C-alpha atoms as a PDB file:
ATOM      1  CA  MET A   1      20.937  12.363  -5.269  1.00  0.00           C
ATOM      2  CA  ALA A   2      20.397   8.662  -4.544  1.00  0.00           C
ATOM      3  CA  GLU A   3      21.624   6.004  -6.923  1.00  0.00           C
ATOM      4  CA  ALA A   4      19.101   4.695  -9.446  1.00  0.00           C
ATOM      5  CA  PHE A   5      16.742   2.077  -8.025  1.00  0.00           C
ATOM      6  CA  GLN A   6      17.591  -1.422  -9.289  1.00  0.00           C
ATOM      7  CA  PRO A   7      14.886  -3.937  -8.229  1.00  0.00           C
ATOM      8  CA  ASP A   8      16.792  -6.812  -9.845  1.00  0.00           C
ATOM      9  CA  GLN A   9      19.598  -6.327  -7.295  1.00  0.00           C
ATOM     10  CA  LEU A  10      17.370  -7.074  -4.304  1.00  0.00           C
ATOM     11  CA  ALA A  11      17.630 -10.235  -2.200  1.00  0.00           C
ATOM     12  CA  THR A  12      15.875 -13.323  -3.506  1.00  0.00           C
ATOM     13  CA  ASP A  13      13.905 -14.072  -0.311  1.00  0.00           C
ATOM     14  CA  LYS A  14      10.822 -11.944   0.245  1.00  0.00           C
ATOM     15  CA  ALA A  15      11.714 -10.715   3.741  1.00  0.00           C
ATOM     16  CA  GLY A  16      15.162  -9.715   2.496  1.00  0.00           C
ATOM     17  CA  ARG A  17      13.651  -7.889  -0.452  1.00  0.00           C
ATOM     18  CA  TYR A  18      11.433  -5.890   1.910  1.00  0.00           C
ATOM     19  CA  ARG A  19      14.384  -5.040   4.186  1.00  0.00           C
ATOM     20  CA  GLU A  20      16.488  -3.845   1.264  1.00  0.00           C
ATOM     21  CA  LEU A  21      13.582  -1.975  -0.301  1.00  0.00           C
ATOM     22  CA  ALA A  22      12.889  -0.173   2.998  1.00  0.00           C
ATOM     23  CA  ILE A  23      16.477   1.088   2.999  1.00  0.00           C
ATOM     24  CA  GLU A  24      16.267   2.125  -0.660  1.00  0.00           C
ATOM     25  CA  ILE A  25      12.969   3.974  -0.161  1.00  0.00           C
ATOM     26  CA  ALA A  26      14.372   5.803   2.865  1.00  0.00           C
ATOM     27  CA  SER A  27      17.401   6.827   0.820  1.00  0.00           C
ATOM     28  CA  VAL A  28      15.350   8.076  -2.132  1.00  0.00           C
ATOM     29  CA  LEU A  29      12.946  10.012   0.105  1.00  0.00           C
ATOM     30  CA  ASP A  30      15.579  11.472   2.426  1.00  0.00           C
ATOM     31  CA  GLY A  31      14.689  15.132   2.932  1.00  0.00           C
ATOM     32  CA  GLU A  32      11.441  15.019   0.909  1.00  0.00           C
ATOM     33  CA  PRO A  33       8.616  16.448   3.061  1.00  0.00           C
ATOM     34  CA  ASP A  34       5.747  16.247   0.538  1.00  0.00           C
ATOM     35  CA  VAL A  35       3.344  13.409   1.378  1.00  0.00           C
ATOM     36  CA  THR A  36       2.102  13.029  -2.216  1.00  0.00           C
ATOM     37  CA  ALA A  37       5.654  12.655  -3.514  1.00  0.00           C
ATOM     38  CA  ARG A  38       6.354  10.089  -0.804  1.00  0.00           C
ATOM     39  CA  MET A  39       3.226   8.084  -1.703  1.00  0.00           C
ATOM     40  CA  ALA A  40       3.983   8.200  -5.422  1.00  0.00           C
ATOM     41  CA  THR A  41       7.536   6.993  -4.829  1.00  0.00           C
ATOM     42  CA  VAL A  42       6.485   4.164  -2.510  1.00  0.00           C
ATOM     43  CA  SER A  43       3.835   2.996  -5.007  1.00  0.00           C
ATOM     44  CA  SER A  44       6.302   3.017  -7.876  1.00  0.00           C
ATOM     45  CA  MET A  45       9.082   1.244  -6.015  1.00  0.00           C
ATOM     46  CA  LEU A  46       6.789  -1.459  -4.607  1.00  0.00           C
ATOM     47  CA  ARG A  47       5.295  -2.162  -8.026  1.00  0.00           C
ATOM     48  CA  ALA A  48       8.778  -2.340  -9.609  1.00  0.00           C
ATOM     49  CA  THR A  49      10.044  -4.710  -6.918  1.00  0.00           C
ATOM     50  CA  PHE A  50       7.255  -7.275  -6.667  1.00  0.00           C
ATOM     51  CA  GLU A  51       6.069  -8.554 -10.056  1.00  0.00           C
ATOM     52  CA  HIS A  52       2.847 -10.020  -8.651  1.00  0.00           C
ATOM     53  CA  PHE A  53       1.743  -6.605  -7.303  1.00  0.00           C
ATOM     54  CA  PHE A  54      -0.928  -5.946  -9.922  1.00  0.00           C
ATOM     55  CA  TRP A  55      -2.211  -2.699  -8.363  1.00  0.00           C
ATOM     56  CA  VAL A  56      -0.382  -0.650  -5.717  1.00  0.00           C
ATOM     57  CA  GLY A  57      -1.691   2.625  -4.398  1.00  0.00           C
ATOM     58  CA  PHE A  58      -2.985   4.847  -1.681  1.00  0.00           C
ATOM     59  CA  TYR A  59      -6.467   5.872  -0.694  1.00  0.00           C
ATOM     60  CA  VAL A  60      -6.126   9.124   1.252  1.00  0.00           C
ATOM     61  CA  VAL A  61      -8.524  10.118   4.038  1.00  0.00           C
ATOM     62  CA  ASP A  62     -10.678  12.969   2.762  1.00  0.00           C
ATOM     63  CA  ARG A  63     -10.239  15.681   5.399  1.00  0.00           C
ATOM     64  CA  THR A  64     -13.599  17.233   4.470  1.00  0.00           C
ATOM     65  CA  ARG A  65     -15.429  13.889   4.812  1.00  0.00           C
ATOM     66  CA  THR A  66     -13.595  11.831   7.410  1.00  0.00           C
ATOM     67  CA  ASP A  67     -15.700   8.732   6.681  1.00  0.00           C
ATOM     68  CA  GLU A  68     -14.347   8.425   3.144  1.00  0.00           C
ATOM     69  CA  MET A  69     -11.077   8.073   1.241  1.00  0.00           C
ATOM     70  CA  VAL A  70     -10.159   9.404  -2.172  1.00  0.00           C
ATOM     71  CA  VAL A  71      -7.703   7.739  -4.539  1.00  0.00           C
ATOM     72  CA  GLY A  72      -4.159   9.008  -4.225  1.00  0.00           C
ATOM     73  CA  PRO A  73      -0.941   8.109  -6.031  1.00  0.00           C
ATOM     74  CA  TYR A  74      -1.009   4.610  -7.505  1.00  0.00           C
ATOM     75  CA  GLN A  75       0.477   2.262 -10.083  1.00  0.00           C
ATOM     76  CA  GLY A  76      -1.816  -0.003 -12.097  1.00  0.00           C
ATOM     77  CA  THR A  77      -5.135   0.036 -13.848  1.00  0.00           C
ATOM     78  CA  LEU A  78      -7.896   2.524 -13.068  1.00  0.00           C
ATOM     79  CA  GLY A  79      -8.692   2.573  -9.355  1.00  0.00           C
ATOM     80  CA  CYS A  80     -11.896   3.387  -7.561  1.00  0.00           C
ATOM     81  CA  LEU A  81     -12.148   7.128  -7.035  1.00  0.00           C
ATOM     82  CA  ARG A  82     -13.684   7.059  -3.552  1.00  0.00           C
ATOM     83  CA  ILE A  83     -14.118   4.390  -0.903  1.00  0.00           C
ATOM     84  CA  ALA A  84     -16.217   4.821   2.226  1.00  0.00           C
ATOM     85  CA  PHE A  85     -14.856   3.512   5.533  1.00  0.00           C
ATOM     86  CA  SER A  86     -17.948   1.289   5.631  1.00  0.00           C
ATOM     87  CA  ARG A  87     -17.079  -0.577   2.401  1.00  0.00           C
ATOM     88  CA  GLY A  88     -14.571  -3.108   1.166  1.00  0.00           C
ATOM     89  CA  VAL A  89     -11.145  -4.190   2.335  1.00  0.00           C
ATOM     90  CA  CYS A  90      -9.791  -0.618   2.278  1.00  0.00           C
ATOM     91  CA  GLY A  91     -12.686   0.571   4.423  1.00  0.00           C
ATOM     92  CA  ALA A  92     -12.145  -2.268   6.902  1.00  0.00           C
ATOM     93  CA  ALA A  93      -8.425  -1.469   7.263  1.00  0.00           C
ATOM     94  CA  ALA A  94      -9.186   2.233   7.773  1.00  0.00           C
ATOM     95  CA  ARG A  95     -12.072   1.621  10.158  1.00  0.00           C
ATOM     96  CA  GLU A  96     -10.221  -0.990  12.218  1.00  0.00           C
ATOM     97  CA  ARG A  97      -6.813   0.743  11.899  1.00  0.00           C
ATOM     98  CA  ARG A  98      -5.096  -2.559  11.160  1.00  0.00           C
ATOM     99  CA  THR A  99      -3.638  -4.480   8.220  1.00  0.00           C
ATOM    100  CA  VAL A 100      -6.135  -6.701   6.435  1.00  0.00           C
ATOM    101  CA  VAL A 101      -4.970  -9.638   4.288  1.00  0.00           C
ATOM    102  CA  VAL A 102      -7.578 -11.229   2.020  1.00  0.00           C
ATOM    103  CA  ASP A 103      -6.701 -14.521   0.303  1.00  0.00           C
ATOM    104  CA  ASP A 104      -9.853 -14.548  -1.838  1.00  0.00           C
ATOM    105  CA  VAL A 105     -11.533 -11.217  -2.516  1.00  0.00           C
ATOM    106  CA  ASP A 106     -14.740 -12.962  -3.636  1.00  0.00           C
ATOM    107  CA  ALA A 107     -15.101 -14.369  -0.115  1.00  0.00           C
ATOM    108  CA  PHE A 108     -14.720 -10.960   1.569  1.00  0.00           C
ATOM    109  CA  PRO A 109     -18.131  -9.476   2.437  1.00  0.00           C
ATOM    110  CA  GLY A 110     -18.612  -6.152   0.680  1.00  0.00           C
ATOM    111  CA  HIS A 111     -15.462  -6.380  -1.436  1.00  0.00           C
ATOM    112  CA  ILE A 112     -15.299  -3.580  -4.002  1.00  0.00           C
ATOM    113  CA  ALA A 113     -14.184  -4.821  -7.415  1.00  0.00           C
ATOM    114  CA  CYS A 114     -12.352  -1.844  -8.906  1.00  0.00           C
ATOM    115  CA  ASP A 115     -10.755  -4.320 -11.350  1.00  0.00           C
ATOM    116  CA  SER A 116     -12.293  -7.768 -11.765  1.00  0.00           C
ATOM    117  CA  ARG A 117      -8.852  -9.378 -12.231  1.00  0.00           C
ATOM    118  CA  SER A 118      -8.004  -8.840  -8.571  1.00  0.00           C
ATOM    119  CA  ARG A 119      -8.046 -12.174  -6.688  1.00  0.00           C
ATOM    120  CA  SER A 120      -6.288 -11.287  -3.407  1.00  0.00           C
ATOM    121  CA  GLU A 121      -5.478  -8.120  -1.530  1.00  0.00           C
ATOM    122  CA  ILE A 122      -3.558  -6.604   1.363  1.00  0.00           C
ATOM    123  CA  VAL A 123      -4.437  -3.201   2.801  1.00  0.00           C
ATOM    124  CA  VAL A 124      -2.222  -1.442   5.349  1.00  0.00           C
ATOM    125  CA  PRO A 125      -3.192   1.707   7.267  1.00  0.00           C
ATOM    126  CA  VAL A 126      -0.837   4.691   6.994  1.00  0.00           C
ATOM    127  CA  PHE A 127      -0.393   6.814  10.110  1.00  0.00           C
ATOM    128  CA  GLY A 128       1.220  10.208  10.537  1.00  0.00           C
ATOM    129  CA  ALA A 129       3.733  10.989  13.278  1.00  0.00           C
ATOM    130  CA  ASP A 130       0.867  12.035  15.568  1.00  0.00           C
ATOM    131  CA  GLY A 131      -1.011   8.743  15.044  1.00  0.00           C
ATOM    132  CA  THR A 132      -3.593  10.262  12.700  1.00  0.00           C
ATOM    133  CA  LEU A 133      -4.810   7.956   9.942  1.00  0.00           C
ATOM    134  CA  LEU A 134      -3.559   9.549   6.704  1.00  0.00           C
ATOM    135  CA  ALA A 135      -4.443   6.856   4.168  1.00  0.00           C
ATOM    136  CA  VAL A 136      -4.357   3.159   3.436  1.00  0.00           C
ATOM    137  CA  LEU A 137      -1.967   1.383   1.093  1.00  0.00           C
ATOM    138  CA  ASP A 138      -3.866  -1.058  -1.120  1.00  0.00           C
ATOM    139  CA  VAL A 139      -2.042  -3.842  -2.967  1.00  0.00           C
ATOM    140  CA  ASP A 140      -3.857  -6.293  -5.245  1.00  0.00           C
ATOM    141  CA  ALA A 141      -2.690  -9.463  -6.993  1.00  0.00           C
ATOM    142  CA  GLU A 142      -4.214 -11.507  -9.794  1.00  0.00           C
ATOM    143  CA  THR A 143      -3.552 -14.753  -7.902  1.00  0.00           C
ATOM    144  CA  PRO A 144      -5.346 -15.998  -4.780  1.00  0.00           C
ATOM    145  CA  ALA A 145      -3.469 -15.991  -1.449  1.00  0.00           C
ATOM    146  CA  ALA A 146      -0.621 -13.850  -2.815  1.00  0.00           C
ATOM    147  CA  PHE A 147       0.026 -12.080   0.521  1.00  0.00           C
ATOM    148  CA  ASP A 148       1.071 -13.281   3.963  1.00  0.00           C
ATOM    149  CA  SER A 149       2.543 -12.092   7.257  1.00  0.00           C
ATOM    150  CA  VAL A 150       5.906 -11.371   5.587  1.00  0.00           C
ATOM    151  CA  ASP A 151       4.149  -8.918   3.258  1.00  0.00           C
ATOM    152  CA  ALA A 152       2.262  -7.393   6.190  1.00  0.00           C
ATOM    153  CA  ASP A 153       5.444  -6.929   8.234  1.00  0.00           C
ATOM    154  CA  GLY A 154       7.422  -5.568   5.274  1.00  0.00           C
ATOM    155  CA  LEU A 155       4.760  -3.106   4.171  1.00  0.00           C
ATOM    156  CA  GLU A 156       4.042  -1.946   7.728  1.00  0.00           C
ATOM    157  CA  THR A 157       7.749  -1.263   8.267  1.00  0.00           C
ATOM    158  CA  ILE A 158       8.077   0.693   5.024  1.00  0.00           C
ATOM    159  CA  LEU A 159       4.993   2.775   5.792  1.00  0.00           C
ATOM    160  CA  ARG A 160       5.982   3.421   9.397  1.00  0.00           C
ATOM    161  CA  ASN A 161       9.461   4.542   8.306  1.00  0.00           C
ATOM    162  CA  THR A 162       8.066   6.686   5.488  1.00  0.00           C
ATOM    163  CA  PHE A 163       5.117   8.448   7.116  1.00  0.00           C
ATOM    164  CA  SER A 164       5.262   8.142  10.927  1.00  0.00           C
ATOM    165  CA  ARG A 165       8.568   9.899  11.591  1.00  0.00           C
END
């Protein structure tokens, strides 16, 4: 069993924190095949590591309706239950199969306000080993412009290492 996760022991710079967290997540999930368990663990560890991550969770592609996602494991306040690929930041990331960083959610056309305290957002697509879109990771913050390319790179690396291998 892996040692207990200690977010206060992570590097002080953001890129370093992501690198160390990626190693810790890989260690905790070593040998765990269940996708739901992997998503729940990633959500929990991200939320524990980055204090400004107000909401962290997954929207999983509904295999019976491939134009829509259903809420998966998350940490935070109540999330939206379903999001169509045609709506919001999550829909854009799923539809375009790319990370979307939004500095001001009020300026994003069609933004879905699951919680009105959200001011900025980053959404990263999650791909399986075969390249299939499994879900998106949605992270919200209560402050504007809380996310940047360091967050995008760090989250993409964690997700690639966790779900694409």
